[in-house]
Every structure is written in structure tokens, then in C-alpha cells.
Amino acid sequence: MNPVHFQPAPPPPWFPMLLPEPPNSSTFLETRNVRDPLENCKIPSILPTPCMQKELEILMMIKDGSMDLSVSEFLKYLEDRRIDLETQELLSVEEANALMSKLRALLEPFRYVVDEGIPREEKSAVASLTNKIKKSKRNNLWRKRKQKRIAELLAKVVFLGFSLIMNNLIKLTEKLMSGELGRLPRTLRAARLNR
């Protein structure tokens, strides 16, 4: 006895979960509320494609009863694939609604910036975050410049100290060679005696 091959229908699409409404006391600019939706908004797949837009326009033209060349080609395509017009319309509208709900879920955390009913303090959080980021960058650049200046000054001091010691040593040896000093300094005499 051969078992019947059962192919289950694909599962329904999972709609993105909306983030819970944060209380007014919490800050708007938390990592979870801002960074994650911004990262998800960068994905080009969430943007409506021109094909989807064209398909929805053609379906509207079919409902209006206009017979354009693109409409007849689309109807021929559906007939070749044995797809019912109502089924295609239902699938297209469901896909557009899924895209809209996904975009709505991604943009929900930014409602505080756009909504007129939100207090001014919540909206100014964006400006303060921008100022903090700029200040942090300024401070980092200032620290780098300061470290560079200190390193240059230290190198200059070391070089000047070395050159000063060398100049004094050269002058001392010249005086010793010329006999201007007469006798060697005590430290040099002690070093000679220890040999």
C-alpha cells in the first residue's frame, strides 16, 4: 500500500510584532527602540518594488474596465498560468497589506518625534542625542590632537635634552683636549683611578 504524499499548505506569514508602548517616563532613545528599527529600515526588501506597484495599478485598471496593452498582456499571463483574477487580486492586496504592516511596525518607535500630541520633552530627546553624538566626536578628536601634541613635545624634549648633553660633552672634551681646564674634574679622575 503506497502512502499518499501529503504536501501541507505553506504557513501563513508571520507579521512583525509591535514593540510595547513604552511608558512616558522612559527615554525615547533606547537602543531597543531606535537602533533595531533603523537597522531593519535599511533592508531594501521592505521597500515597495516597482513591480508590485505596477501590478496593483494594472489590477485597478482592470476593475475600472480600461483595456490597455499592459492590461491585456497581464490577463494573458494570468490565463497562461491558470490563475484566477480574483485570486491574484487577493494575493496582491495581502502582500501590500503585509508590507504596510511591516513598515508601520518598523516606524512605530519614531512616532514620538512626529506625533503632535507628544510632549516637547520627548521630541527634544532627538536633538539632545544629536548634540551628545557631536560632542563625543569633538572630544575624541580633541583627545587625539592633544595626544599627538604631547607625543611631539615629548620627542622634542628628549631630542633637545640629548642634543644639550651631547653639546656639553663635546665642549668639555674640547676644553680637556686644549688644556683649558688644567686638571680633570674629580668624577673623571676617580673613574681613571678605578681602572
Protein backbone atom coordinates (compact mmCIF):
# COMPACT_ATOMS: atom_id res chain seq x y z
CA MET A 1 0.00 0.00 0.00
CA ASN A 2 1.51 3.30 -1.09
CA PRO A 3 1.07 6.21 1.25
CA VAL A 4 -0.33 9.37 -0.28
CA HIS A 5 2.22 12.13 -0.49
CA PHE A 6 0.88 14.93 1.61
CA GLN A 7 2.14 18.44 0.98
CA PRO A 8 0.90 20.83 3.62
CA ALA A 9 -0.03 24.36 2.66
CA PRO A 10 2.61 26.95 3.45
CA PRO A 11 2.15 28.53 6.86
CA PRO A 12 0.59 31.98 6.98
CA PRO A 13 3.10 34.84 7.06
CA TRP A 14 4.22 36.00 10.48
CA PHE A 15 3.52 39.65 10.95
CA PRO A 16 6.18 41.57 12.85
CA MET A 17 5.37 42.10 16.48
CA LEU A 18 4.88 45.68 17.53
CA LEU A 19 7.08 46.90 20.33
CA PRO A 20 5.15 47.51 23.55
CA GLU A 21 4.16 51.10 24.18
CA PRO A 22 6.95 52.48 26.35
CA PRO A 23 5.83 54.48 29.37
CA ASN A 24 6.20 58.25 29.14
CA SER A 25 8.83 58.19 31.87
CA SER A 26 11.22 56.07 29.82
CA THR A 27 13.53 57.77 27.40
CA PHE A 28 12.71 57.52 23.75
CA LEU A 29 16.24 56.93 22.60
CA GLU A 30 16.90 53.49 23.99
CA THR A 31 18.90 51.04 21.94
CA ARG A 32 15.96 48.70 21.52
CA ASN A 33 13.59 51.45 20.42
CA VAL A 34 15.81 53.18 17.91
CA ARG A 35 18.75 51.13 16.68
CA ASP A 36 16.87 47.94 15.78
CA PRO A 37 14.18 49.64 13.64
CA LEU A 38 16.84 51.74 11.93
CA GLU A 39 18.81 48.62 11.06
CA ASN A 40 15.65 46.95 9.73
CA CYS A 41 14.72 50.02 7.68
CA LYS A 42 17.99 49.73 5.77
CA ILE A 43 16.90 46.46 4.19
CA PRO A 44 15.86 47.24 0.60
CA SER A 45 13.39 44.34 0.56
CA ILE A 46 10.89 46.23 2.69
CA LEU A 47 10.52 49.00 0.15
CA PRO A 48 7.68 48.51 -2.31
CA THR A 49 9.11 47.33 -5.57
CA PRO A 50 8.13 48.96 -8.84
CA CYS A 51 6.75 45.58 -9.97
CA MET A 52 4.33 45.43 -7.05
CA GLN A 53 3.23 48.99 -7.70
CA LYS A 54 2.74 48.28 -11.41
CA GLU A 55 0.77 45.10 -10.62
CA LEU A 56 -1.57 46.97 -8.28
CA GLU A 57 -2.05 49.72 -10.89
CA ILE A 58 -2.93 47.12 -13.55
CA LEU A 59 -5.42 45.45 -11.21
CA MET A 60 -7.07 48.85 -10.61
CA MET A 61 -7.20 49.46 -14.37
CA ILE A 62 -8.88 46.06 -14.84
CA LYS A 63 -11.51 46.96 -12.22
CA ASP A 64 -12.10 50.30 -13.96
CA GLY A 65 -12.64 48.46 -17.23
CA SER A 66 -9.88 50.06 -19.30
CA MET A 67 -8.30 47.79 -21.92
CA ASP A 68 -4.73 48.92 -22.30
CA LEU A 69 -1.93 46.88 -23.87
CA SER A 70 -0.37 46.20 -20.46
CA VAL A 71 -3.77 45.08 -19.11
CA SER A 72 -4.29 42.60 -21.94
CA GLU A 73 -0.74 41.24 -21.51
CA PHE A 74 -1.33 40.82 -17.78
CA LEU A 75 -4.63 39.00 -18.37
CA LYS A 76 -2.93 36.73 -20.93
CA TYR A 77 -0.17 36.00 -18.41
CA LEU A 78 -2.77 35.04 -15.78
CA GLU A 79 -4.60 32.78 -18.26
CA ASP A 80 -1.35 31.05 -19.28
CA ARG A 81 -0.55 30.35 -15.64
CA ARG A 82 -4.16 29.35 -14.89
CA ILE A 83 -4.52 31.92 -12.14
CA ASP A 84 -7.90 33.38 -11.38
CA LEU A 85 -8.09 37.19 -11.46
CA GLU A 86 -9.78 37.34 -8.05
CA THR A 87 -7.11 35.09 -6.53
CA GLN A 88 -4.33 37.25 -7.97
CA GLU A 89 -6.03 40.39 -6.70
CA LEU A 90 -6.41 38.86 -3.23
CA LEU A 91 -2.74 37.79 -3.15
CA SER A 92 -1.52 41.20 -4.32
CA VAL A 93 -3.61 43.08 -1.77
CA GLU A 94 -2.48 40.73 1.03
CA GLU A 95 1.15 41.28 0.08
CA ALA A 96 0.69 45.06 0.02
CA ASN A 97 -1.06 44.96 3.41
CA ALA A 98 1.72 42.80 4.87
CA LEU A 99 4.29 45.29 3.60
CA MET A 100 2.34 48.20 5.10
CA SER A 101 2.03 46.49 8.48
CA LYS A 102 5.75 45.72 8.46
CA LEU A 103 6.59 49.35 7.69
CA ARG A 104 4.14 50.52 10.35
CA ALA A 105 5.80 48.25 12.91
CA LEU A 106 9.27 49.50 11.94
CA LEU A 107 8.29 53.15 12.15
CA GLU A 108 6.33 52.86 15.41
CA PRO A 109 9.22 53.90 17.69
CA PHE A 110 9.59 57.15 15.75
CA ARG A 111 6.00 58.13 16.47
CA TYR A 112 7.26 60.24 19.37
CA VAL A 113 9.11 62.55 17.02
CA VAL A 114 6.25 63.06 14.57
CA ASP A 115 3.13 62.96 16.76
CA GLU A 116 1.71 66.37 17.69
CA GLY A 117 0.24 65.13 20.99
CA ILE A 118 3.58 64.05 22.41
CA PRO A 119 5.19 66.48 24.90
CA ARG A 120 8.04 68.65 23.73
CA GLU A 121 10.48 66.97 26.12
CA GLU A 122 10.13 63.65 24.32
CA LYS A 123 10.72 65.31 20.95
CA SER A 124 13.76 67.21 22.18
CA ALA A 125 15.40 63.90 23.10
CA VAL A 126 16.37 63.50 19.43
CA ALA A 127 18.10 66.88 19.40
CA SER A 128 19.92 66.14 22.65
CA LEU A 129 21.09 62.78 21.30
CA THR A 130 22.43 64.50 18.18
CA ASN A 131 24.24 67.06 20.33
CA LYS A 132 25.71 64.32 22.53
CA ILE A 133 26.99 62.43 19.49
CA LYS A 134 28.58 65.59 18.05
CA LYS A 135 30.15 66.43 21.42
CA SER A 136 31.54 62.92 21.75
CA LYS A 137 33.12 63.15 18.29
CA ARG A 138 34.56 66.59 19.11
CA ASN A 139 36.01 65.32 22.39
CA ASN A 140 37.54 62.28 20.71
CA LEU A 141 39.18 64.45 18.04
CA TRP A 142 40.43 66.86 20.71
CA ARG A 143 41.93 63.97 22.71
CA LYS A 144 43.68 62.64 19.61
CA ARG A 145 45.12 66.08 18.82
CA LYS A 146 46.21 66.51 22.45
CA GLN A 147 47.92 63.10 22.50
CA LYS A 148 49.67 63.93 19.24
CA ARG A 149 50.86 67.30 20.60
CA ILE A 150 52.12 65.67 23.81
CA ALA A 151 53.97 63.00 21.84
CA GLU A 152 55.56 65.65 19.61
CA LEU A 153 56.57 67.77 22.62
CA LEU A 154 57.99 64.74 24.40
CA ALA A 155 60.01 63.77 21.34
CA LYS A 156 61.23 67.36 21.05
CA VAL A 157 62.23 67.49 24.74
CA VAL A 158 64.05 64.18 24.50
CA PHE A 159 65.86 65.32 21.37
CA LEU A 160 66.74 68.72 22.88
CA GLY A 161 67.91 67.09 26.12
CA PHE A 162 70.05 64.62 24.20
CA SER A 163 71.50 67.34 21.97
CA LEU A 164 72.17 69.57 25.03
CA ILE A 165 74.00 66.74 26.79
CA MET A 166 75.98 66.00 23.64
CA ASN A 167 76.89 69.69 23.20
CA ASN A 168 78.06 69.93 26.82
CA LEU A 169 80.06 66.73 26.42
CA ILE A 170 81.66 67.99 23.21
CA LYS A 171 82.57 71.34 24.85
CA LEU A 172 84.01 69.53 27.87
CA THR A 173 86.15 67.23 25.73
CA GLU A 174 87.35 70.19 23.64
CA LYS A 175 88.38 72.05 26.81
CA LEU A 176 90.13 68.95 28.12
CA MET A 177 91.98 68.45 24.86
CA SER A 178 93.03 72.06 24.64
CA GLY A 179 94.17 72.07 28.26
CA GLU A 180 91.91 74.91 29.33
CA LEU A 181 90.64 73.02 32.34
CA GLY A 182 94.07 72.16 33.59
CA ARG A 183 93.03 69.22 35.66
CA LEU A 184 90.28 66.70 35.16
CA PRO A 185 87.17 67.05 37.28
CA ARG A 186 87.02 64.80 40.35
CA THR A 187 84.48 62.43 38.86
CA LEU A 188 86.65 61.79 35.82
CA ARG A 189 89.82 61.41 37.95
CA ALA A 190 88.05 58.85 40.15
CA ALA A 191 86.94 56.95 37.07
CA ARG A 192 90.54 56.87 35.76
CA LEU A 193 91.93 55.66 39.08
CA ASN A 194 89.42 52.80 39.29
CA ARG A 195 90.59 51.34 36.00
